[in-house]
C-alpha atoms as a PDB file:
ATOM      1  CA  MET A   1      97.270 128.346  80.082  1.00  0.00           C
ATOM      2  CA  LYS A   2      98.209 128.261  83.682  1.00  0.00           C
ATOM      3  CA  TYR A   3     101.530 129.846  84.564  1.00  0.00           C
ATOM      4  CA  LEU A   4     103.282 130.874  87.715  1.00  0.00           C
ATOM      5  CA  ILE A   5     105.950 133.439  88.479  1.00  0.00           C
ATOM      6  CA  LEU A   6     109.439 132.339  89.426  1.00  0.00           C
ATOM      7  CA  PHE A   7     112.187 134.470  90.901  1.00  0.00           C
ATOM      8  CA  ILE A   8     115.473 132.652  90.310  1.00  0.00           C
ATOM      9  CA  THR A   9     119.156 133.278  90.876  1.00  0.00           C
ATOM     10  CA  CYS A  10     121.318 134.873  88.210  1.00  0.00           C
ATOM     11  CA  LEU A  11     124.594 136.719  88.633  1.00  0.00           C
ATOM     12  CA  GLY A  12     125.558 140.336  88.042  1.00  0.00           C
ATOM     13  CA  LEU A  13     127.029 141.416  84.738  1.00  0.00           C
ATOM     14  CA  LEU A  14     130.740 141.376  83.942  1.00  0.00           C
ATOM     15  CA  ASN A  15     131.435 144.788  82.462  1.00  0.00           C
ATOM     16  CA  THR A  16     134.608 143.651  80.766  1.00  0.00           C
ATOM     17  CA  ASN A  17     132.820 140.983  78.749  1.00  0.00           C
ATOM     18  CA  THR A  18     129.759 142.822  77.461  1.00  0.00           C
ATOM     19  CA  ILE A  19     129.541 145.034  74.425  1.00  0.00           C
ATOM     20  CA  ASP A  20     127.189 147.906  73.612  1.00  0.00           C
ATOM     21  CA  VAL A  21     124.539 145.750  71.954  1.00  0.00           C
ATOM     22  CA  GLY A  22     124.748 143.085  74.637  1.00  0.00           C
ATOM     23  CA  ASP A  23     125.043 139.327  74.358  1.00  0.00           C
ATOM     24  CA  PRO A  24     123.153 137.263  71.777  1.00  0.00           C
ATOM     25  CA  SER A  25     120.000 135.283  72.413  1.00  0.00           C
ATOM     26  CA  ILE A  26     120.117 131.636  71.330  1.00  0.00           C
ATOM     27  CA  GLN A  27     117.036 130.207  69.628  1.00  0.00           C
ATOM     28  CA  ALA A  28     116.442 126.741  68.226  1.00  0.00           C
ATOM     29  CA  VAL A  29     114.130 124.446  66.333  1.00  0.00           C
ATOM     30  CA  CYS A  30     112.702 121.922  68.768  1.00  0.00           C
ATOM     31  CA  LYS A  31     110.850 118.611  68.451  1.00  0.00           C
ATOM     32  CA  ILE A  32     108.468 117.565  71.202  1.00  0.00           C
ATOM     33  CA  THR A  33     106.964 114.064  71.275  1.00  0.00           C
ATOM     34  CA  THR A  34     103.843 113.486  73.338  1.00  0.00           C
ATOM     35  CA  LYS A  35     102.576 110.259  74.897  1.00  0.00           C
ATOM     36  CA  ASP A  36     100.197 109.708  71.966  1.00  0.00           C
ATOM     37  CA  ASN A  37     103.369 109.356  69.821  1.00  0.00           C
ATOM     38  CA  ILE A  38     102.688 112.593  67.949  1.00  0.00           C
ATOM     39  CA  SER A  39     105.672 114.837  67.197  1.00  0.00           C
ATOM     40  CA  HIS A  40     105.390 118.616  67.304  1.00  0.00           C
ATOM     41  CA  GLU A  41     108.071 120.912  65.893  1.00  0.00           C
ATOM     42  CA  GLY A  42     108.573 124.628  66.313  1.00  0.00           C
ATOM     43  CA  PHE A  43     110.819 127.322  67.721  1.00  0.00           C
ATOM     44  CA  ILE A  44     111.988 127.837  71.302  1.00  0.00           C
ATOM     45  CA  LYS A  45     114.414 130.211  73.010  1.00  0.00           C
ATOM     46  CA  LEU A  46     117.285 128.607  74.902  1.00  0.00           C
ATOM     47  CA  ILE A  47     119.004 131.749  76.207  1.00  0.00           C
ATOM     48  CA  GLU A  48     117.673 135.275  76.614  1.00  0.00           C
ATOM     49  CA  GLY A  49     120.416 137.661  75.552  1.00  0.00           C
ATOM     50  CA  GLY A  50     121.038 141.284  76.402  1.00  0.00           C
ATOM     51  CA  TYR A  51     123.540 142.511  78.957  1.00  0.00           C
ATOM     52  CA  GLY A  52     124.144 138.985  80.136  1.00  0.00           C
ATOM     53  CA  MET A  53     122.990 135.500  79.124  1.00  0.00           C
ATOM     54  CA  PHE A  54     119.895 134.212  80.927  1.00  0.00           C
ATOM     55  CA  PRO A  55     119.076 130.570  80.124  1.00  0.00           C
ATOM     56  CA  ASN A  56     115.608 129.057  79.987  1.00  0.00           C
ATOM     57  CA  GLY A  57     115.007 125.482  81.074  1.00  0.00           C
ATOM     58  CA  PHE A  58     113.019 123.263  83.428  1.00  0.00           C
ATOM     59  CA  TYR A  59     111.961 123.276  87.070  1.00  0.00           C
ATOM     60  CA  PHE A  60     111.172 120.010  88.830  1.00  0.00           C
ATOM     61  CA  GLU A  61     109.284 119.631  92.118  1.00  0.00           C
ATOM     62  CA  ILE A  62     110.753 116.509  93.699  1.00  0.00           C
ATOM     63  CA  ALA A  63     109.205 116.512  97.162  1.00  0.00           C
ATOM     64  CA  GLU A  64     107.854 118.949  99.720  1.00  0.00           C
ATOM     65  CA  GLY A  65     110.396 121.752  99.915  1.00  0.00           C
ATOM     66  CA  GLU A  66     112.743 120.022  97.452  1.00  0.00           C
ATOM     67  CA  ALA A  67     113.229 121.048  93.825  1.00  0.00           C
ATOM     68  CA  TYR A  68     115.737 120.856  90.972  1.00  0.00           C
ATOM     69  CA  ARG A  69     116.365 123.305  88.154  1.00  0.00           C
ATOM     70  CA  LYS A  70     117.921 122.442  84.810  1.00  0.00           C
ATOM     71  CA  LEU A  71     118.819 125.457  82.671  1.00  0.00           C
ATOM     72  CA  TYR A  72     120.283 125.360  79.179  1.00  0.00           C
ATOM     73  CA  ASP A  73     124.077 125.234  79.519  1.00  0.00           C
ATOM     74  CA  PHE A  74     125.411 124.376  76.002  1.00  0.00           C
ATOM     75  CA  ASN A  75     125.533 120.692  77.008  1.00  0.00           C
ATOM     76  CA  PHE A  76     121.837 119.932  77.360  1.00  0.00           C
ATOM     77  CA  TYR A  77     120.042 119.073  74.111  1.00  0.00           C
ATOM     78  CA  ASN A  78     117.278 116.633  75.050  1.00  0.00           C
ATOM     79  CA  LEU A  79     114.930 115.453  77.773  1.00  0.00           C
ATOM     80  CA  GLN A  80     113.158 112.107  78.051  1.00  0.00           C
ATOM     81  CA  LYS A  81     110.444 111.005  80.456  1.00  0.00           C
ATOM     82  CA  THR A  82     110.118 107.352  81.434  1.00  0.00           C
ATOM     83  CA  LYS A  83     106.883 105.527  82.215  1.00  0.00           C
ATOM     84  CA  ASN A  84     107.560 105.728  85.949  1.00  0.00           C
ATOM     85  CA  GLY A  85     107.738 109.522  85.841  1.00  0.00           C
ATOM     86  CA  LYS A  86     111.506 109.894  85.821  1.00  0.00           C
ATOM     87  CA  TYR A  87     113.030 112.677  83.700  1.00  0.00           C
ATOM     88  CA  ASN A  88     116.350 111.877  82.041  1.00  0.00           C
ATOM     89  CA  LEU A  89     118.539 114.894  81.181  1.00  0.00           C
ATOM     90  CA  GLY A  90     121.867 113.643  79.902  1.00  0.00           C
ATOM     91  CA  ARG A  91     123.684 112.120  82.874  1.00  0.00           C
ATOM     92  CA  ASN A  92     121.070 113.283  85.375  1.00  0.00           C
ATOM     93  CA  SER A  93     117.803 111.512  86.150  1.00  0.00           C
ATOM     94  CA  ILE A  94     115.124 113.295  88.173  1.00  0.00           C
ATOM     95  CA  GLN A  95     112.156 111.616  89.842  1.00  0.00           C
ATOM     96  CA  ALA A  96     109.745 114.545  89.934  1.00  0.00           C
ATOM     97  CA  LYS A  97     106.134 114.940  90.982  1.00  0.00           C
ATOM     98  CA  VAL A  98     105.623 118.010  88.799  1.00  0.00           C
ATOM     99  CA  ALA A  99     107.686 119.635  86.051  1.00  0.00           C
ATOM    100  CA  TYR A 100     107.532 123.116  84.561  1.00  0.00           C
ATOM    101  CA  PHE A 101     109.116 124.895  81.612  1.00  0.00           C
ATOM    102  CA  ILE A 102     110.730 128.130  82.816  1.00  0.00           C
ATOM    103  CA  ALA A 103     111.431 131.200  80.689  1.00  0.00           C
ATOM    104  CA  HIS A 104     113.307 134.366  81.603  1.00  0.00           C
ATOM    105  CA  THR A 105     111.613 137.748  81.633  1.00  0.00           C
ATOM    106  CA  PRO A 106     113.759 140.870  81.443  1.00  0.00           C
ATOM    107  CA  TYR A 107     112.816 142.590  84.711  1.00  0.00           C
ATOM    108  CA  HIS A 108     114.998 142.273  87.784  1.00  0.00           C
ATOM    109  CA  ARG A 109     116.132 143.857  91.019  1.00  0.00           C
ATOM    110  CA  TYR A 110     119.217 143.366  93.142  1.00  0.00           C
ATOM    111  CA  SER A 111     119.633 141.628  96.497  1.00  0.00           C
ATOM    112  CA  GLN A 112     122.648 140.790  98.616  1.00  0.00           C
ATOM    113  CA  LYS A 113     121.183 137.818 100.495  1.00  0.00           C
ATOM    114  CA  GLU A 114     120.735 134.334  99.112  1.00  0.00           C
ATOM    115  CA  ARG A 115     117.616 132.372 100.030  1.00  0.00           C
ATOM    116  CA  ASN A 116     115.365 129.642  98.617  1.00  0.00           C
ATOM    117  CA  THR A 117     111.764 129.715  99.790  1.00  0.00           C
ATOM    118  CA  ILE A 118     108.352 128.787  98.485  1.00  0.00           C
ATOM    119  CA  GLU A 119     105.760 131.475  99.146  1.00  0.00           C
ATOM    120  CA  THR A 120     102.003 131.515  98.583  1.00  0.00           C
ATOM    121  CA  ASN A 121     100.038 134.662  97.844  1.00  0.00           C
ATOM    122  CA  THR A 122      96.828 135.653  96.057  1.00  0.00           C
ATOM    123  CA  LYS A 123      98.524 135.167  92.671  1.00  0.00           C
ATOM    124  CA  GLY A 124      99.579 131.614  93.476  1.00  0.00           C
ATOM    125  CA  LYS A 125     102.824 129.886  94.335  1.00  0.00           C
ATOM    126  CA  LYS A 126     106.193 131.383  93.478  1.00  0.00           C
ATOM    127  CA  LEU A 127     109.798 130.422  94.110  1.00  0.00           C
ATOM    128  CA  ILE A 128     112.224 133.074  95.325  1.00  0.00           C
ATOM    129  CA  ALA A 129     115.883 132.195  94.914  1.00  0.00           C
ATOM    130  CA  GLU A 130     118.372 135.003  95.408  1.00  0.00           C
ATOM    131  CA  LYS A 131     122.118 135.344  95.297  1.00  0.00           C
ATOM    132  CA  THR A 132     123.535 138.563  93.861  1.00  0.00           C
ATOM    133  CA  SER A 133     120.777 139.482  91.464  1.00  0.00           C
ATOM    134  CA  LYS A 134     117.153 138.404  91.452  1.00  0.00           C
ATOM    135  CA  PHE A 135     115.614 137.873  88.042  1.00  0.00           C
ATOM    136  CA  THR A 136     112.078 137.001  87.085  1.00  0.00           C
ATOM    137  CA  TYR A 137     111.104 133.804  85.294  1.00  0.00           C
ATOM    138  CA  LYS A 138     107.708 132.416  84.358  1.00  0.00           C
ATOM    139  CA  LEU A 139     106.819 128.818  85.104  1.00  0.00           C
ATOM    140  CA  PHE A 140     104.661 127.186  82.443  1.00  0.00           C
ATOM    141  CA  ASP A 141     102.894 123.859  82.884  1.00  0.00           C
ATOM    142  CA  SER A 142     102.858 123.748  79.059  1.00  0.00           C
ATOM    143  CA  ILE A 143     105.717 124.440  76.663  1.00  0.00           C
ATOM    144  CA  PRO A 144     104.842 127.391  74.421  1.00  0.00           C
ATOM    145  CA  LEU A 145     106.126 126.127  71.059  1.00  0.00           C
ATOM    146  CA  PHE A 146     106.314 128.826  68.395  1.00  0.00           C
ATOM    147  CA  LYS A 147     105.004 127.687  65.012  1.00  0.00           C
ATOM    148  CA  GLU A 148     105.859 131.051  63.431  1.00  0.00           C
ATOM    149  CA  LEU A 149     108.472 133.681  64.206  1.00  0.00           C
ATOM    150  CA  PRO A 150     107.285 137.155  65.224  1.00  0.00           C
ATOM    151  CA  ARG A 151     108.143 140.062  62.951  1.00  0.00           C
ATOM    152  CA  GLU A 152     110.719 141.303  65.440  1.00  0.00           C
ATOM    153  CA  TYR A 153     112.500 137.914  64.998  1.00  0.00           C
ATOM    154  CA  HIS A 154     113.250 137.555  68.737  1.00  0.00           C
ATOM    155  CA  LEU A 155     111.072 135.118  70.696  1.00  0.00           C
ATOM    156  CA  ARG A 156     109.577 136.532  73.879  1.00  0.00           C
ATOM    157  CA  TYR A 157     107.464 134.453  76.227  1.00  0.00           C
ATOM    158  CA  ASP A 158     106.101 137.559  77.954  1.00  0.00           C
ATOM    159  CA  LYS A 159     104.919 139.149  74.694  1.00  0.00           C
ATOM    160  CA  HIS A 160     104.369 136.638  71.867  1.00  0.00           C
ATOM    161  CA  GLU A 161     102.649 133.787  73.668  1.00  0.00           C
ATOM    162  CA  LYS A 162      99.622 134.079  71.358  1.00  0.00           C
ATOM    163  CA  LEU A 163     101.827 132.801  68.514  1.00  0.00           C
ATOM    164  CA  THR A 164     102.548 129.536  70.306  1.00  0.00           C
ATOM    165  CA  LYS A 165     101.072 126.089  70.476  1.00  0.00           C
ATOM    166  CA  LYS A 166     100.908 125.014  74.118  1.00  0.00           C
ATOM    167  CA  ILE A 167     101.949 121.425  74.795  1.00  0.00           C
ATOM    168  CA  ALA A 168     101.255 120.212  78.323  1.00  0.00           C
ATOM    169  CA  ILE A 169     104.355 119.078  80.198  1.00  0.00           C
ATOM    170  CA  ALA A 170     102.331 116.164  81.611  1.00  0.00           C
ATOM    171  CA  ASP A 171     101.794 114.829  78.071  1.00  0.00           C
ATOM    172  CA  ILE A 172     105.440 115.089  76.950  1.00  0.00           C
ATOM    173  CA  ILE A 173     107.717 112.065  76.721  1.00  0.00           C
ATOM    174  CA  SER A 174     110.674 113.701  74.936  1.00  0.00           C
ATOM    175  CA  ILE A 175     112.082 117.087  73.961  1.00  0.00           C
ATOM    176  CA  GLU A 176     114.927 117.411  71.483  1.00  0.00           C
ATOM    177  CA  ILE A 177     116.815 120.442  70.196  1.00  0.00           C
ATOM    178  CA  ILE A 178     117.114 119.810  66.458  1.00  0.00           C
ATOM    179  CA  LYS A 179     120.622 119.868  64.978  1.00  0.00           C
ATOM    180  CA  LYS A 180     119.475 119.707  61.342  1.00  0.00           C
ATOM    181  CA  PRO A 181     116.065 121.370  60.939  1.00  0.00           C
ATOM    182  CA  GLN A 182     113.814 120.567  57.985  1.00  0.00           C
ATOM    183  CA  GLN A 183     113.699 123.059  55.121  1.00  0.00           C
ATOM    184  CA  ILE A 184     110.287 124.413  56.162  1.00  0.00           C
ATOM    185  CA  TRP A 185     111.798 125.780  59.386  1.00  0.00           C
ATOM    186  CA  LEU A 186     114.909 127.092  57.640  1.00  0.00           C
ATOM    187  CA  ASP A 187     112.662 128.969  55.206  1.00  0.00           C
ATOM    188  CA  LYS A 188     110.702 130.532  58.061  1.00  0.00           C
ATOM    189  CA  ILE A 189     113.936 131.640  59.715  1.00  0.00           C
ATOM    190  CA  ALA A 190     115.238 133.148  56.464  1.00  0.00           C
ATOM    191  CA  LYS A 191     111.972 135.038  55.901  1.00  0.00           C
ATOM    192  CA  ALA A 192     111.899 136.402  59.449  1.00  0.00           C
ATOM    193  CA  LYS A 193     115.547 137.412  59.258  1.00  0.00           C
ATOM    194  CA  LYS A 194     114.943 139.315  56.005  1.00  0.00           C
ATOM    195  CA  LEU A 195     112.002 141.202  57.525  1.00  0.00           C
ATOM    196  CA  TYR A 196     114.023 141.974  60.638  1.00  0.00           C
ATOM    197  CA  TRP A 197     116.797 143.605  58.662  1.00  0.00           C
ATOM    198  CA  GLU A 198     114.360 145.469  56.446  1.00  0.00           C
ATOM    199  CA  ASP A 199     112.686 146.871  59.550  1.00  0.00           C
ATOM    200  CA  ASN A 200     115.971 147.871  61.173  1.00  0.00           C
ATOM    201  CA  ASP A 201     118.108 149.019  58.241  1.00  0.00           C
ATOM    202  CA  THR A 202     117.014 152.670  58.372  1.00  0.00           C
ATOM    203  CA  GLU A 203     118.081 155.797  60.209  1.00  0.00           C
ATOM    204  CA  ASP A 204     114.750 155.864  62.049  1.00  0.00           C
ATOM    205  CA  SER A 205     115.103 152.309  63.295  1.00  0.00           C
ATOM    206  CA  THR A 206     114.766 151.640  67.013  1.00  0.00           C
ATOM    207  CA  GLY A 207     116.171 148.114  66.695  1.00  0.00           C
ATOM    208  CA  ASP A 208     119.472 147.042  68.249  1.00  0.00           C
ATOM    209  CA  PHE A 209     120.687 145.141  65.161  1.00  0.00           C
ATOM    210  CA  LEU A 210     121.563 142.141  67.288  1.00  0.00           C
ATOM    211  CA  GLU A 211     119.812 139.199  65.714  1.00  0.00           C
ATOM    212  CA  PRO A 212     119.453 135.897  67.579  1.00  0.00           C
ATOM    213  CA  THR A 213     121.968 133.091  67.169  1.00  0.00           C
ATOM    214  CA  TRP A 214     120.463 129.811  65.961  1.00  0.00           C
ATOM    215  CA  TYR A 215     121.541 126.579  67.670  1.00  0.00           C
ATOM    216  CA  HIS A 216     121.718 124.533  64.450  1.00  0.00           C
ATOM    217  CA  GLU A 217     124.048 127.128  62.907  1.00  0.00           C
ATOM    218  CA  LEU A 218     126.120 127.571  66.060  1.00  0.00           C
ATOM    219  CA  ILE A 219     126.990 123.886  66.364  1.00  0.00           C
ATOM    220  CA  GLN A 220     128.367 123.927  62.819  1.00  0.00           C
ATOM    221  CA  ASP A 221     131.045 126.386  63.954  1.00  0.00           C
ATOM    222  CA  GLN A 222     132.808 124.585  66.802  1.00  0.00           C
ATOM    223  CA  LYS A 223     135.163 127.497  67.468  1.00  0.00           C
ATOM    224  CA  LYS A 224     132.292 129.945  67.879  1.00  0.00           C
ATOM    225  CA  PHE A 225     130.325 127.410  69.941  1.00  0.00           C
ATOM    226  CA  ASN A 226     133.234 126.894  72.343  1.00  0.00           C
ATOM    227  CA  GLU A 227     133.924 130.624  72.620  1.00  0.00           C
ATOM    228  CA  LEU A 228     130.296 131.376  73.453  1.00  0.00           C
ATOM    229  CA  LYS A 229     130.132 128.455  75.885  1.00  0.00           C
ATOM    230  CA  ASP A 230     133.329 129.603  77.644  1.00  0.00           C
ATOM    231  CA  TYR A 231     132.018 133.160  77.836  1.00  0.00           C
ATOM    232  CA  TYR A 232     128.721 131.919  79.286  1.00  0.00           C
ATOM    233  CA  ASN A 233     130.510 129.797  81.904  1.00  0.00           C
ATOM    234  CA  LYS A 234     132.652 132.786  82.975  1.00  0.00           C
ATOM    235  CA  TRP A 235     129.667 135.113  83.046  1.00  0.00           C
ATOM    236  CA  LYS A 236     127.504 132.899  85.278  1.00  0.00           C
ATOM    237  CA  LYS A 237     130.205 132.440  87.954  1.00  0.00           C
END
């Protein structure tokens, strides 16, 4: 699968708001419908946790030198593509020539200058967008949809891609984050969670004991959802 490298703006960490084990990742069950009217379900990561919250999302090329990024922000839960190539994301509609799924990778470096440029090198096209910190994202022209969870329970697009089913963005007409997953997916989550704790519940464990937060569980606890959303909004400023 073709993928590109994206450098995108994220902010520095707020020391007063992070704890030793960092912030939680948010994962979800997702349904993708393709233009042949076939639905595909599986797991995706919405936010990469750690010492900060780094959302995944979409990157749209609108015109030469013009682009739009939509990252998960606790409000977004679906995307629909119309027959004329327009992407509807809640209240926003984007007429894009090309769309990509973007996923955070954990490596970064710091910069004091903000810029947005498209560069071409031997590895292909990449976007550099800097503000305070510069973080690395991958651009995928297919969505890597996990059909199984890895033993370490955390989804990583830079490590576990072989576990995914790749669905071309060009073939997708809708993407929906599932609020009430079917039992088959709940069973897979429960199994992976059990293995994760078995692997990490020893003195020799190298795990951080911070399991991912699941979207369908989070939205059932409105207080926790709002607290995490408010924290995220403060952190990204």
